[in-house]
Amino acid sequence: MLTRKIEITEKKIDATEQALIQFSGAVSEYAKHLASHTSAIQSLAEASQELKKGAAEQNRVLTMIIDDVIINQRKQETPHPKEEVPPPTPPKPERPEVKLAHEMPDLRGKPLPPGCARGQYQKLTPHEILEKWKVRINQV
């Protein structure tokens, strides 16, 4: 009777050892799986930072281009006193009207995407824009 109980106990101990070995293997496999997910999340975070930097750089360049276009347009509109006024040019074929950035519709109250340059500047009146560019033109 005692030997029978010892045999049953040894079988239970063996079964428990086998279960622990299987559980240990499963935990090990899950750890590898979790490591691959962690790596993917880190890569996504790095890509997100790069995209944010790229968007900021694009907005900076776009702002500089808009500034240059407005300055050049104002220079062309204002004839210099020493220059002769060229004869009027024949009318150009009609093109759809292109609005300048400061003439675009007001989007306040509507959500803007992250990094959008439109949210960085207050809307100026045409008079304020003209005064701003007169100062810049005089500095050039």
Foldseek 3Di string as FASTA:
>chain_A
DVVVVVVVVVVVVVVVVVVVVVVVVVVVVVVVVVVVVVVVVVVVVVVVVVVLVVLLVVLVVVVVVLLVVVLVVVCVVDDDPVDDDDDDDPDDPDDPDDDRPLRDDDPPPPDDDPSDNVVVDDRDDPVVVVVVSVVVNVVD
